[in-house]
């Protein structure tokens, strides 16, 4: 969503530096937040599977549920990398 809203930072051939920085910060925050939530989800899932009297073990379904939280974090990382490339900080003319 940040990449779509960042299009308003470009007017003709002029890139608004403040808007580009805001878009990059939003992408970084989204990526960091998704990584934190993914780690917490992994921890809770592993603790649920390995503790208690009815231990389930690591079946195919459990492994699938371990991979699923990583998908949004991976996509957010790709969006962050693409956004950094797309909205580079403006350099001063020489």
Protein backbone atom coordinates (compact mmCIF):
# COMPACT_ATOMS: atom_id res chain seq x y z
CA UNK A 1 0.00 0.00 0.00
CA UNK A 2 2.89 2.35 0.73
CA UNK A 3 4.25 1.88 -2.78
CA UNK A 4 0.88 2.82 -4.28
CA UNK A 5 0.50 5.92 -2.13
CA UNK A 6 4.08 6.97 -2.85
CA UNK A 7 3.18 7.70 -6.46
CA UNK A 8 1.88 11.06 -5.27
CA UNK A 9 5.49 11.99 -4.40
CA UNK A 10 6.41 12.21 -8.08
CA UNK A 11 5.38 15.24 -10.10
CA UNK A 12 6.64 15.14 -13.65
CA UNK A 13 10.35 14.45 -13.29
CA UNK A 14 10.56 15.84 -9.77
CA UNK A 15 10.71 13.49 -6.76
CA UNK A 16 9.55 14.93 -3.46
CA UNK A 17 12.33 13.89 -1.07
CA UNK A 18 10.21 14.16 2.08
CA UNK A 19 7.45 12.04 0.59
CA UNK A 20 9.97 9.43 -0.58
CA UNK A 21 11.49 9.23 2.89
CA UNK A 22 8.04 8.84 4.41
CA UNK A 23 7.22 6.02 2.02
CA UNK A 24 10.51 4.26 2.78
CA UNK A 25 9.92 4.61 6.53
CA UNK A 26 6.43 3.16 6.17
CA UNK A 27 7.82 0.20 4.22
CA UNK A 28 10.53 -0.37 6.84
CA UNK A 29 7.97 -0.20 9.66
CA UNK A 30 5.69 -2.66 7.89
CA UNK A 31 8.56 -5.06 7.32
CA UNK A 32 9.81 -4.82 10.91
CA UNK A 33 6.30 -5.29 12.27
CA UNK A 34 5.65 -8.34 10.13
CA UNK A 35 8.97 -9.91 11.18
CA UNK A 36 8.15 -9.36 14.86
CA UNK A 37 4.68 -10.85 14.50
CA UNK A 38 6.11 -13.81 12.54
CA UNK A 39 8.65 -14.57 15.27
CA UNK A 40 5.93 -14.41 17.94
CA UNK A 41 3.68 -16.68 15.88
CA UNK A 42 6.50 -19.19 15.43
CA UNK A 43 7.25 -19.15 19.15
CA UNK A 44 3.60 -19.68 20.12
CA UNK A 45 3.12 -22.44 17.58
CA UNK A 46 6.27 -24.31 18.56
CA UNK A 47 5.44 -23.98 22.26
CA UNK A 48 1.91 -25.24 21.63
CA UNK A 49 3.12 -28.22 19.62
CA UNK A 50 5.90 -29.28 21.98
CA UNK A 51 4.31 -28.68 25.39
CA UNK A 52 1.37 -30.10 27.24
CA UNK A 53 0.08 -33.61 27.71
CA UNK A 54 -1.27 -33.97 24.17
CA UNK A 55 1.91 -33.36 22.22
CA UNK A 56 1.18 -33.35 18.51
CA UNK A 57 4.67 -33.41 17.03
CA UNK A 58 5.82 -31.74 13.86
CA UNK A 59 3.48 -33.08 11.20
CA UNK A 60 3.07 -31.77 7.67
CA UNK A 61 0.26 -29.47 8.78
CA UNK A 62 2.38 -27.98 11.56
CA UNK A 63 5.20 -27.30 9.10
CA UNK A 64 2.69 -25.63 6.77
CA UNK A 65 1.53 -23.40 9.63
CA UNK A 66 5.17 -22.53 10.33
CA UNK A 67 5.68 -21.45 6.71
CA UNK A 68 2.47 -19.43 6.41
CA UNK A 69 3.46 -16.59 8.80
CA UNK A 70 6.73 -16.19 6.91
CA UNK A 71 4.95 -15.35 3.65
CA UNK A 72 3.80 -11.81 4.65
CA UNK A 73 7.21 -11.06 6.18
CA UNK A 74 8.91 -12.17 2.96
CA UNK A 75 6.57 -10.10 0.80
CA UNK A 76 7.09 -7.07 3.05
CA UNK A 77 10.85 -7.52 2.70
CA UNK A 78 10.52 -7.63 -1.08
CA UNK A 79 8.36 -4.48 -1.04
CA UNK A 80 10.91 -2.76 1.21
CA UNK A 81 13.78 -3.65 -1.12
CA UNK A 82 11.82 -2.53 -4.17
CA UNK A 83 10.80 0.70 -2.45
CA UNK A 84 14.36 1.52 -1.46
CA UNK A 85 15.45 1.06 -5.05
CA UNK A 86 12.53 3.03 -6.42
CA UNK A 87 12.65 5.94 -3.96
CA UNK A 88 16.32 6.65 -3.48
CA UNK A 89 17.27 9.69 -1.49
CA UNK A 90 17.77 12.65 -3.81
CA UNK A 91 21.39 13.62 -4.28
CA UNK A 92 22.65 17.14 -4.48
CA UNK A 93 23.63 18.28 -7.98
CA UNK A 94 27.33 18.76 -8.61
